[in-house]
Amino acid sequence: MISGRLLFGMVRMGVGCGVIWATGCSTSPVSSHPPDLPQSPGLDPVPVIQVESPSRQLTEIESWMELARRHNPDLVRLRVAVEVADARAQTVEGWRDPELRLGAGRSERVTERTWWASVPEGFPVSGEDPYLSAHSPSTPMSQADRLQVALRFFPPNPLYVSARNAANRASAEIARADFKAAEWRIYCGLKAALTERDGVDRGIALADRLIGTRREMLDATRALVTAGEMTRLDEISARQNVFQTSLQRERLLSRRQTAADELRSLAGFAAPPAGAALRGKPAPLPALDTLDINLLENRALARRSEIISAHWRGRVAAEALREARSMQIPWFSFLEASYGRTLTRDDVGGALWMNSVDPKGENEPAQWFSQDQDTEDEWRLDLGITLPIFSLGPRATRVALAGQRAAGAEEEQIAAQVAGEVRSAFQDYGDQMRRIAAVRQDVQVQEAQILTHQDLSVGNSEFSRFDEARLREAALDLESLINDLEQSGRLAFLRLEAAVGGEL
């Protein structure tokens, strides 16, 4: 099975590198490394797997990766998130549509007129008021129709608009880096599962050969027991060896099933690739002295997508600070241009009534009376300015400054973590390579002794079939040991590639 240690090593990478493993799929919105990020000098560009033509047969890892791009829920979700973030980055924020305002109304002026006159001499009055008054009823005197058209604009603060749009572009880069990280993490998981499966397949083939050899030894042992040259205890031991090898084969089959389940899980439980994909042969492991830990660390710092994402998160925090500071500057809240017209007409009946000669008696109306109709036009320009009274002082930018410090601390912490992962994976790979080298020396000595005994057995009638099987058993044990060691070395090398963020 794929060991929990391997899976943990793949998963704990978190968000991975800035590598795109594109296999001819042009639907992915993910671009290459962001152009304005600083690059370490002397580093190779990030490798990209591409399919030259639709007719070219895909390798097995490419076929599984194509399935993962289409069906893995994490990749599907992050690809959609990239598309949304790109759309938001291409949409300029801060501009608000102008507002058309229309107004219409009618008013009526009602007048209640009082006539005053001095009291004539000798006219009896009550109280001390020397004047007489007479009232006419309340009468409508004029009507006015009003119509107003206004267009209100909301000019955005250019500093705010610049900061907001820059933050949206940085958010798009964050989404793109997160997609690349998930894609690299899934690629590493698929590659580790395929490596595990291929190593288990070789182990199963060796186990089958070893079972055949030990069964041959069991048959020879039974013959020797019948001849009285061996005991029943030797037969039981030989049968136990066959059983142990069969049990080991069953464990290998369980590991292979786990690897197959991991492949399907990473591919979104889609159907396996149709047809016979090209199964790549295991490449030789690079010698330890050909790898420079400092170069690998610099390469990881330039490639790992979580560092790229952290960089852009810092940019978002910086733009948030700019946005908060822009609110401390007075700016226009609106700008309105308007035109209005008012039409006023005198009411003839009311005016005649009010202008009666005698308000007390017959209410004799005037013989002639003028009627006015007034038209009033008005042009206006209004504006509002936001006064940052409550936005002054440190409290307006306190949150943004804290966010910027947090983003800087996160970027430093992620860089330190990446460097630590590279050094840990490099040390693990070095331990595996030294172990392989040490065991190979012992294996070479043992193989030489086996070959010597096999050469001596040729033409020697005294050399039994049991002894020949024992030599083959010893050779198969050594081959299985080498396969297990090389498998551990390959997995350690994959962890190093995952930590660096690209194929080595």
Protein backbone atom coordinates (compact mmCIF):
# COMPACT_ATOMS: atom_id res chain seq x y z
CA MET A 1 0.00 0.00 0.00
CA ILE A 2 1.00 3.61 -0.33
CA SER A 3 2.31 4.27 3.12
CA GLY A 4 0.68 6.91 5.26
CA ARG A 5 4.09 8.48 5.53
CA LEU A 6 4.21 8.93 1.75
CA LEU A 7 0.74 10.37 1.54
CA PHE A 8 1.41 12.66 4.48
CA GLY A 9 4.59 13.81 2.77
CA MET A 10 2.62 14.61 -0.38
CA VAL A 11 -0.32 16.27 1.37
CA ARG A 12 1.65 18.33 3.87
CA MET A 13 3.21 20.20 1.00
CA GLY A 14 -0.01 22.18 1.15
CA VAL A 15 -0.19 24.53 -1.73
CA GLY A 16 2.51 23.48 -4.16
CA CYS A 17 4.50 25.12 -6.90
CA GLY A 18 4.16 27.36 -9.90
CA VAL A 19 4.28 24.53 -12.45
CA ILE A 20 1.52 23.93 -14.97
CA TRP A 21 1.22 20.35 -16.14
CA ALA A 22 -0.78 21.07 -19.26
CA THR A 23 -1.35 18.16 -21.61
CA GLY A 24 -2.86 19.89 -24.54
CA CYS A 25 -5.85 21.22 -22.63
CA SER A 26 -6.28 24.84 -23.64
CA THR A 27 -9.27 25.45 -21.40
CA SER A 28 -7.16 26.08 -18.35
CA PRO A 29 -7.02 29.80 -17.52
CA VAL A 30 -3.80 29.38 -15.64
CA SER A 31 -0.89 31.33 -17.00
CA SER A 32 2.79 30.93 -16.35
CA HIS A 33 4.79 32.44 -13.51
CA PRO A 34 3.61 36.01 -12.79
CA PRO A 35 5.91 38.35 -14.70
CA ASP A 36 6.51 40.87 -11.96
CA LEU A 37 7.67 38.43 -9.31
CA PRO A 38 11.40 38.49 -8.66
CA GLN A 39 13.21 35.49 -10.10
CA SER A 40 16.32 33.94 -8.68
CA PRO A 41 19.25 34.27 -11.10
CA GLY A 42 20.53 31.21 -12.88
CA LEU A 43 17.36 29.13 -12.45
CA ASP A 44 15.78 27.14 -15.23
CA PRO A 45 12.26 28.12 -16.28
CA VAL A 46 9.42 26.18 -14.78
CA PRO A 47 8.87 23.03 -16.87
CA VAL A 48 5.57 22.58 -18.67
CA ILE A 49 4.27 19.23 -19.92
CA GLN A 50 2.52 19.74 -23.24
CA VAL A 51 1.00 17.56 -25.90
CA GLU A 52 2.36 18.43 -29.31
CA SER A 53 -0.55 17.01 -31.30
CA PRO A 54 -3.81 15.17 -30.57
CA SER A 55 -2.46 12.08 -32.31
CA ARG A 56 0.50 11.70 -29.97
CA GLN A 57 -0.04 8.95 -27.45
CA LEU A 58 -0.12 10.25 -23.93
CA THR A 59 2.02 8.84 -21.22
CA GLU A 60 0.22 7.30 -18.29
CA ILE A 61 0.84 10.22 -15.95
CA GLU A 62 -0.44 12.63 -18.61
CA SER A 63 -3.59 10.56 -19.08
CA TRP A 64 -4.32 10.52 -15.37
CA MET A 65 -3.61 14.24 -15.14
CA GLU A 66 -6.08 14.94 -17.93
CA LEU A 67 -8.74 13.05 -16.00
CA ALA A 68 -7.87 14.96 -12.83
CA ARG A 69 -8.23 18.31 -14.61
CA ARG A 70 -11.72 17.43 -15.77
CA HIS A 71 -13.05 15.57 -12.73
CA ASN A 72 -11.06 16.38 -9.60
CA PRO A 73 -13.39 18.60 -7.53
CA ASP A 74 -10.57 20.74 -6.15
CA LEU A 75 -9.19 21.53 -9.61
CA VAL A 76 -12.66 22.19 -11.05
CA ARG A 77 -13.51 24.53 -8.18
CA LEU A 78 -10.21 26.39 -8.34
CA ARG A 79 -10.39 26.73 -12.14
CA VAL A 80 -13.80 28.36 -11.81
CA ALA A 81 -12.41 30.59 -9.06
CA VAL A 82 -9.64 31.70 -11.43
CA GLU A 83 -12.19 32.58 -14.10
CA VAL A 84 -14.25 34.60 -11.61
CA ALA A 85 -11.16 36.39 -10.28
CA ASP A 86 -9.99 37.20 -13.82
CA ALA A 87 -13.41 38.60 -14.67
CA ARG A 88 -13.35 40.75 -11.53
CA ALA A 89 -9.83 41.96 -12.36
CA GLN A 90 -10.99 43.04 -15.82
CA THR A 91 -13.94 44.98 -14.36
CA VAL A 92 -13.08 48.46 -13.15
CA GLU A 93 -14.62 49.06 -9.75
CA GLY A 94 -15.49 52.39 -8.16
CA TRP A 95 -17.52 53.85 -10.99
CA ARG A 96 -21.22 54.26 -10.23
CA ASP A 97 -23.81 54.84 -12.91
CA PRO A 98 -25.17 58.41 -13.09
CA GLU A 99 -28.62 59.03 -11.70
CA LEU A 100 -31.38 60.75 -13.69
CA ARG A 101 -33.82 62.61 -11.48
CA LEU A 102 -37.23 63.81 -12.67
CA GLY A 103 -39.62 65.97 -10.72
CA ALA A 104 -43.08 67.36 -11.45
CA GLY A 105 -45.64 69.10 -9.23
CA ARG A 106 -48.52 71.51 -8.99
CA SER A 107 -49.15 74.10 -6.29
CA GLU A 108 -52.10 76.35 -5.51
CA ARG A 109 -52.00 79.70 -3.67
CA VAL A 110 -55.05 80.34 -1.47
CA THR A 111 -55.60 83.87 -0.08
CA GLU A 112 -57.79 85.14 2.75
CA ARG A 113 -57.99 88.93 2.49
CA THR A 114 -58.89 91.34 5.31
CA TRP A 115 -60.00 94.92 4.63
CA TRP A 116 -59.16 97.57 7.21
CA ALA A 117 -60.58 101.05 7.63
CA SER A 118 -60.30 103.86 10.20
CA VAL A 119 -63.29 104.32 12.48
CA PRO A 120 -65.22 107.56 11.59
CA GLU A 121 -65.73 110.11 14.29
CA GLY A 122 -68.79 109.52 16.36
CA PHE A 123 -68.99 105.86 15.25
CA PRO A 124 -69.58 103.66 18.24
CA VAL A 125 -66.83 101.10 18.77
CA SER A 126 -66.31 98.46 21.33
CA GLY A 127 -62.97 98.33 23.05
CA GLU A 128 -60.05 100.50 22.21
CA ASP A 129 -59.44 99.32 18.62
CA PRO A 130 -59.65 102.42 16.34
CA TYR A 131 -59.95 100.35 13.15
CA LEU A 132 -62.67 98.37 11.47
CA SER A 133 -62.05 95.22 9.47
CA ALA A 134 -63.92 93.02 7.05
CA HIS A 135 -62.91 89.58 5.78
CA SER A 136 -63.42 87.95 2.46
CA PRO A 137 -63.55 84.14 2.16
CA SER A 138 -60.44 82.10 1.38
CA THR A 139 -60.12 82.06 -2.37
CA PRO A 140 -57.63 80.35 -4.75
CA MET A 141 -55.53 83.10 -6.27
CA SER A 142 -52.99 81.29 -8.48
CA GLN A 143 -51.73 77.87 -9.62
CA ALA A 144 -48.15 76.85 -10.45
CA ASP A 145 -46.89 73.83 -12.47
CA ARG A 146 -43.31 72.79 -11.86
CA LEU A 147 -41.06 70.45 -13.89
CA GLN A 148 -37.44 69.61 -13.00
CA VAL A 149 -34.81 67.40 -14.67
CA ALA A 150 -31.50 66.63 -12.94
CA LEU A 151 -28.52 64.42 -13.73
CA ARG A 152 -26.43 63.36 -10.75
CA PHE A 153 -22.91 61.97 -11.10
CA PHE A 154 -20.88 60.13 -8.46
CA PRO A 155 -17.22 60.81 -9.30
CA PRO A 156 -15.02 58.10 -7.73
CA ASN A 157 -11.96 58.84 -5.72
CA PRO A 158 -9.07 58.02 -8.10
CA LEU A 159 -6.87 56.81 -5.24
CA TYR A 160 -9.59 54.44 -4.05
CA VAL A 161 -10.27 53.18 -7.59
CA SER A 162 -6.57 52.56 -8.22
CA ALA A 163 -6.14 50.63 -4.96
CA ARG A 164 -9.31 48.56 -5.43
CA ASN A 165 -8.50 47.55 -9.01
CA ALA A 166 -4.91 46.70 -8.09
CA ALA A 167 -6.23 44.52 -5.26
CA ASN A 168 -8.55 42.73 -7.70
CA ARG A 169 -5.65 42.01 -10.05
CA ALA A 170 -3.60 40.68 -7.14
CA SER A 171 -6.55 38.51 -6.07
CA ALA A 172 -6.64 37.03 -9.57
CA GLU A 173 -2.97 36.11 -9.23
CA ILE A 174 -3.71 34.52 -5.85
CA ALA A 175 -6.45 32.39 -7.42
CA ARG A 176 -4.11 31.40 -10.23
CA ALA A 177 -1.34 30.44 -7.80
CA ASP A 178 -3.78 28.40 -5.72
CA PHE A 179 -4.85 26.53 -8.85
CA LYS A 180 -1.25 25.82 -9.78
CA ALA A 181 -0.56 24.61 -6.26
CA ALA A 182 -3.46 22.17 -6.32
CA GLU A 183 -2.49 21.00 -9.80
CA TRP A 184 1.09 20.36 -8.72
CA ARG A 185 -0.02 18.63 -5.54
CA ILE A 186 -2.32 16.31 -7.48
CA TYR A 187 0.39 15.67 -10.07
CA CYS A 188 2.81 14.68 -7.31
CA GLY A 189 0.17 12.43 -5.77
CA LEU A 190 -0.53 10.73 -9.09
CA LYS A 191 3.16 10.27 -9.77
CA ALA A 192 3.74 8.80 -6.32
CA ALA A 193 0.80 6.42 -6.72
CA LEU A 194 2.03 5.28 -10.13
CA THR A 195 5.55 4.82 -8.76
CA GLU A 196 4.17 2.81 -5.86
CA ARG A 197 2.05 0.67 -8.17
CA ASP A 198 4.94 -0.05 -10.55
CA GLY A 199 7.26 -0.93 -7.68
CA VAL A 200 4.63 -3.25 -6.23
CA ASP A 201 4.16 -4.88 -9.64
CA ARG A 202 7.87 -5.67 -9.77
CA GLY A 203 7.66 -6.98 -6.22
CA ILE A 204 4.69 -9.21 -7.13
CA ALA A 205 6.59 -10.61 -10.12
CA LEU A 206 9.57 -11.39 -7.87
CA ALA A 207 7.24 -12.92 -5.27
CA ASP A 208 5.72 -15.19 -7.92
CA ARG A 209 9.17 -16.39 -8.94
CA LEU A 210 10.14 -16.85 -5.31
CA ILE A 211 6.98 -18.86 -4.61
CA GLY A 212 7.82 -21.15 -7.56
CA THR A 213 11.36 -21.62 -6.30
CA ARG A 214 10.26 -22.37 -2.73
CA ARG A 215 7.67 -24.82 -3.95
CA GLU A 216 10.45 -26.56 -5.83
CA MET A 217 12.46 -26.59 -2.61
CA LEU A 218 9.42 -28.06 -0.81
CA ASP A 219 9.17 -30.87 -3.38
CA ALA A 220 12.91 -31.58 -3.03
CA THR A 221 12.59 -31.54 0.74
CA ARG A 222 9.77 -34.08 0.65
CA ALA A 223 11.88 -36.33 -1.55
CA LEU A 224 14.80 -36.01 0.85
CA VAL A 225 12.50 -36.71 3.83
CA THR A 226 11.31 -39.87 2.08
CA ALA A 227 14.94 -40.84 1.47
CA GLY A 228 15.69 -40.24 5.14
CA GLU A 229 18.14 -37.40 4.50
CA MET A 230 15.87 -34.73 6.01
CA THR A 231 13.36 -34.64 8.82
CA ARG A 232 9.71 -33.70 8.97
CA LEU A 233 10.76 -30.49 10.68
CA ASP A 234 12.66 -29.51 7.52
CA GLU A 235 9.52 -30.19 5.48
CA ILE A 236 7.42 -28.04 7.81
CA SER A 237 10.01 -25.24 7.53
CA ALA A 238 9.97 -25.44 3.73
CA ARG A 239 6.15 -25.35 3.70
CA GLN A 240 6.22 -22.36 6.04
CA ASN A 241 8.55 -20.52 3.65
CA VAL A 242 6.04 -21.00 0.84
CA PHE A 243 3.25 -19.74 3.08
CA GLN A 244 5.25 -16.67 4.14
CA THR A 245 5.99 -15.78 0.53
CA SER A 246 2.31 -16.15 -0.39
CA LEU A 247 1.37 -13.90 2.53
CA GLN A 248 3.92 -11.33 1.36
CA ARG A 249 2.36 -11.47 -2.11
CA GLU A 250 -1.08 -10.80 -0.64
CA ARG A 251 0.29 -7.77 1.16
CA LEU A 252 1.73 -6.51 -2.09
CA LEU A 253 -1.66 -6.97 -3.77
CA SER A 254 -3.22 -4.89 -0.98
CA ARG A 255 -0.65 -2.15 -1.53
CA ARG A 256 -1.38 -2.21 -5.26
CA GLN A 257 -5.11 -1.85 -4.62
CA THR A 258 -4.44 1.11 -2.34
CA ALA A 259 -2.34 2.74 -5.06
CA ALA A 260 -5.14 2.16 -7.59
CA ASP A 261 -7.68 3.67 -5.19
CA GLU A 262 -5.44 6.70 -4.71
CA LEU A 263 -5.22 7.18 -8.49
CA ARG A 264 -8.99 7.07 -8.88
CA SER A 265 -9.50 9.42 -5.94
CA LEU A 266 -7.11 12.03 -7.33
CA ALA A 267 -8.75 11.71 -10.77
CA GLY A 268 -12.15 12.47 -9.29
CA PHE A 269 -13.25 8.83 -9.46
CA ALA A 270 -13.44 9.04 -13.22
CA ALA A 271 -13.02 5.97 -15.39
CA PRO A 272 -9.34 5.01 -15.85
CA PRO A 273 -7.69 6.12 -19.10
CA ALA A 274 -8.89 4.08 -22.06
CA GLY A 275 -6.34 2.15 -24.05
CA ALA A 276 -2.79 1.26 -23.21
CA ALA A 277 -1.05 4.43 -22.09
CA LEU A 278 2.70 4.64 -22.35
CA ARG A 279 4.09 3.37 -19.06
CA GLY A 280 7.38 5.08 -18.49
CA LYS A 281 10.38 3.15 -17.27
CA PRO A 282 11.82 4.25 -13.94
CA ALA A 283 14.55 6.74 -14.54
CA PRO A 284 17.85 6.22 -12.72
CA LEU A 285 18.10 8.12 -9.48
CA PRO A 286 20.50 11.08 -9.63
CA ALA A 287 23.65 10.79 -7.60
CA LEU A 288 23.66 12.74 -4.39
CA ASP A 289 26.72 14.77 -5.34
CA THR A 290 24.93 16.13 -8.42
CA LEU A 291 22.36 17.93 -6.26
CA ASP A 292 23.15 21.26 -4.60
CA ILE A 293 20.96 21.96 -1.59
CA ASN A 294 21.37 25.74 -1.94
CA LEU A 295 20.34 25.64 -5.60
CA LEU A 296 17.37 23.42 -4.76
CA GLU A 297 16.30 25.78 -2.00
CA ASN A 298 16.51 28.83 -4.29
CA ARG A 299 14.60 26.97 -6.96
CA ALA A 300 11.86 26.09 -4.47
CA LEU A 301 11.57 29.70 -3.32
CA ALA A 302 11.08 30.74 -6.95
CA ARG A 303 8.72 27.94 -7.94
CA ARG A 304 6.53 27.04 -5.01
CA SER A 305 3.08 28.47 -5.58
CA GLU A 306 2.29 29.05 -1.94
CA ILE A 307 5.16 31.58 -1.89
CA ILE A 308 3.75 33.21 -5.01
CA SER A 309 0.32 33.26 -3.40
CA ALA A 310 1.74 34.76 -0.20
CA HIS A 311 3.49 37.45 -2.24
CA TRP A 312 0.23 38.47 -3.90
CA ARG A 313 -1.59 38.36 -0.56
CA GLY A 314 0.92 40.90 0.63
CA ARG A 315 0.07 43.02 -2.39
CA VAL A 316 -3.64 42.79 -1.55
CA ALA A 317 -2.90 43.91 2.01
CA ALA A 318 -0.84 46.86 0.72
CA GLU A 319 -3.67 47.92 -1.59
CA ALA A 320 -6.13 47.63 1.30
CA LEU A 321 -3.94 50.09 3.22
CA ARG A 322 -3.94 52.45 0.24
CA GLU A 323 -7.69 52.12 0.05
CA ALA A 324 -8.09 52.99 3.74
CA ARG A 325 -5.82 56.01 3.41
CA SER A 326 -7.75 57.28 0.39
CA MET A 327 -10.83 57.57 2.58
CA GLN A 328 -9.01 60.18 4.67
CA ILE A 329 -8.98 62.65 1.78
CA PRO A 330 -12.07 64.83 1.17
CA TRP A 331 -13.76 63.92 -2.07
CA PHE A 332 -16.96 64.59 -3.98
CA SER A 333 -19.91 62.47 -2.94
CA PHE A 334 -22.01 63.65 -5.90
CA LEU A 335 -22.13 66.23 -8.65
CA GLU A 336 -25.57 67.25 -9.96
CA ALA A 337 -26.64 69.44 -12.86
CA SER A 338 -30.35 70.31 -12.99
CA TYR A 339 -32.84 72.36 -14.99
CA GLY A 340 -36.28 73.41 -13.74
CA ARG A 341 -39.24 75.36 -15.14
CA THR A 342 -42.16 76.80 -13.16
CA LEU A 343 -45.35 78.12 -14.85
CA THR A 344 -47.60 80.33 -12.60
CA ARG A 345 -51.12 81.41 -13.63
CA ASP A 346 -53.46 83.83 -11.73
CA ASP A 347 -56.92 82.52 -10.94
CA VAL A 348 -59.41 84.98 -12.53
CA GLY A 349 -62.38 84.20 -10.33
CA GLY A 350 -60.43 84.48 -7.10
CA ALA A 351 -58.71 87.69 -8.20
CA LEU A 352 -62.04 89.33 -9.10
CA TRP A 353 -63.52 88.32 -5.80
CA MET A 354 -60.58 89.66 -3.84
CA ASN A 355 -60.60 92.91 -5.74
CA SER A 356 -64.24 93.71 -5.10
CA VAL A 357 -64.91 97.38 -4.44
CA ASP A 358 -66.85 96.71 -1.29
CA PRO A 359 -65.89 93.62 0.66
CA LYS A 360 -68.88 94.11 3.01
CA GLY A 361 -71.80 94.55 0.75
CA GLU A 362 -72.67 93.70 -2.79
CA ASN A 363 -69.10 92.72 -3.57
CA GLU A 364 -69.18 94.68 -6.70
CA PRO A 365 -66.38 93.38 -8.89
CA ALA A 366 -63.88 95.55 -10.66
CA GLN A 367 -64.69 96.24 -14.27
CA TRP A 368 -61.13 95.59 -15.47
CA PHE A 369 -58.57 93.24 -13.99
CA SER A 370 -55.20 91.99 -15.31
CA GLN A 371 -54.20 88.31 -15.25
CA ASP A 372 -50.49 87.41 -14.96
CA GLN A 373 -48.83 84.23 -16.23
CA ASP A 374 -45.22 83.86 -15.11
CA THR A 375 -42.62 81.43 -16.43
CA GLU A 376 -39.48 80.83 -14.37
CA ASP A 377 -36.43 78.86 -15.67
CA GLU A 378 -33.70 77.73 -13.32
CA TRP A 379 -30.27 76.13 -13.97
CA ARG A 380 -28.42 74.69 -10.99
CA LEU A 381 -25.18 72.90 -10.26
CA ASP A 382 -24.99 71.14 -6.88
CA LEU A 383 -22.18 69.10 -5.39
CA GLY A 384 -21.50 67.28 -2.15
CA ILE A 385 -18.16 66.68 -0.48
CA THR A 386 -17.48 63.99 2.08
CA LEU A 387 -15.64 65.36 5.08
CA PRO A 388 -13.43 62.65 6.68
CA ILE A 389 -14.14 63.70 10.24
CA PHE A 390 -14.52 60.19 11.59
CA SER A 391 -11.89 58.72 9.25
CA LEU A 392 -9.02 60.78 10.59
CA GLY A 393 -6.57 59.37 13.06
CA PRO A 394 -4.92 55.97 13.36
CA ARG A 395 -8.13 54.01 13.85
CA ALA A 396 -9.02 54.39 10.16
CA THR A 397 -5.94 52.43 9.05
CA ARG A 398 -5.37 50.28 12.12
CA VAL A 399 -6.98 47.18 10.62
CA ALA A 400 -5.25 47.61 7.24
CA LEU A 401 -1.85 48.03 8.89
CA ALA A 402 -2.41 44.89 10.97
CA GLY A 403 -3.38 43.00 7.82
CA GLN A 404 -0.22 44.15 6.06
CA ARG A 405 1.95 43.02 8.97
CA ALA A 406 0.16 39.67 9.05
CA ALA A 407 0.71 39.19 5.31
CA GLY A 408 4.43 39.95 5.66
CA ALA A 409 4.78 37.54 8.57
CA GLU A 410 2.92 34.85 6.62
CA GLU A 411 5.20 35.25 3.61
CA GLU A 412 8.30 34.95 5.78
CA GLN A 413 6.90 31.92 7.59
CA ILE A 414 5.98 30.15 4.34
CA ALA A 415 9.44 30.82 2.88
CA ALA A 416 11.06 29.37 6.00
CA GLN A 417 8.74 26.37 5.85
CA VAL A 418 9.55 25.74 2.18
CA ALA A 419 13.27 25.90 2.90
CA GLY A 420 12.81 23.47 5.79
CA GLU A 421 10.82 21.05 3.63
CA VAL A 422 13.50 21.09 0.94
CA ARG A 423 16.27 20.43 3.43
CA SER A 424 14.29 17.66 5.14
CA ALA A 425 13.47 15.97 1.82
CA PHE A 426 17.08 16.34 0.69
CA GLN A 427 18.34 14.76 3.90
CA ASP A 428 15.85 11.91 3.54
CA TYR A 429 16.94 11.31 -0.04
CA GLY A 430 20.58 11.40 0.99
CA ASP A 431 19.95 8.82 3.73
CA GLN A 432 18.20 6.56 1.26
CA MET A 433 20.98 6.86 -1.32
CA ARG A 434 23.67 6.13 1.27
CA ARG A 435 21.68 3.14 2.47
CA ILE A 436 21.32 1.84 -1.07
CA ALA A 437 25.06 2.28 -1.70
CA ALA A 438 25.94 0.43 1.52
CA VAL A 439 23.58 -2.45 0.82
CA ARG A 440 24.73 -2.73 -2.78
CA GLN A 441 28.26 -3.48 -1.63
CA ASP A 442 27.03 -6.37 0.52
CA VAL A 443 24.74 -7.54 -2.29
CA GLN A 444 27.58 -7.56 -4.80
CA VAL A 445 29.65 -9.77 -2.51
CA GLN A 446 26.70 -12.10 -1.98
CA GLU A 447 25.93 -12.22 -5.70
CA ALA A 448 29.54 -13.12 -6.46
CA GLN A 449 29.37 -16.02 -4.02
CA ILE A 450 26.08 -17.23 -5.51
CA LEU A 451 27.53 -17.12 -9.03
CA THR A 452 30.60 -19.02 -7.85
CA HIS A 453 28.48 -21.78 -6.34
CA GLN A 454 26.30 -21.89 -9.45
CA ASP A 455 29.40 -22.32 -11.63
CA LEU A 456 30.67 -25.09 -9.37
CA SER A 457 27.36 -26.89 -9.57
CA VAL A 458 27.60 -27.33 -13.30
CA GLY A 459 28.38 -30.99 -14.05
CA ASN A 460 28.56 -31.90 -10.35
CA SER A 461 26.27 -34.88 -9.86
CA GLU A 462 26.45 -34.52 -6.12
CA PHE A 463 24.81 -31.08 -6.18
CA SER A 464 21.16 -31.74 -5.42
CA ARG A 465 18.09 -30.05 -6.80
CA PHE A 466 17.47 -28.65 -3.32
CA ASP A 467 20.78 -26.81 -3.26
CA GLU A 468 20.23 -25.38 -6.73
CA ALA A 469 16.83 -24.05 -5.61
CA ARG A 470 18.41 -22.53 -2.52
CA LEU A 471 20.85 -20.60 -4.70
CA ARG A 472 18.01 -19.28 -6.85
CA GLU A 473 16.13 -18.38 -3.69
CA ALA A 474 19.09 -16.41 -2.40
CA ALA A 475 19.41 -14.59 -5.72
CA LEU A 476 15.68 -13.69 -5.69
CA ASP A 477 15.92 -12.47 -2.09
CA LEU A 478 18.72 -10.14 -3.09
CA GLU A 479 16.76 -8.90 -6.10
CA SER A 480 13.72 -8.22 -3.92
CA LEU A 481 15.90 -6.36 -1.44
CA ILE A 482 17.33 -4.16 -4.19
CA ASN A 483 13.81 -3.51 -5.56
CA ASP A 484 12.57 -2.43 -2.13
CA LEU A 485 15.56 -0.16 -1.59
CA GLU A 486 15.25 1.44 -5.01
CA GLN A 487 11.51 1.90 -4.45
CA SER A 488 12.21 3.73 -1.19
CA GLY A 489 14.78 5.88 -3.01
CA ARG A 490 12.31 6.75 -5.79
CA LEU A 491 9.66 7.79 -3.30
CA ALA A 492 12.20 9.88 -1.41
CA PHE A 493 13.20 11.52 -4.68
CA LEU A 494 9.55 12.28 -5.44
CA ARG A 495 9.23 13.97 -2.07
CA LEU A 496 12.27 16.06 -2.92
CA GLU A 497 10.71 17.06 -6.26
CA ALA A 498 7.47 17.93 -4.50
CA ALA A 499 9.35 20.10 -2.01
CA VAL A 500 11.33 21.87 -4.76
CA GLY A 501 8.20 22.48 -6.79
CA GLY A 502 9.32 21.02 -10.11
CA GLU A 503 10.85 17.99 -11.73
CA LEU A 504 14.58 17.63 -11.25
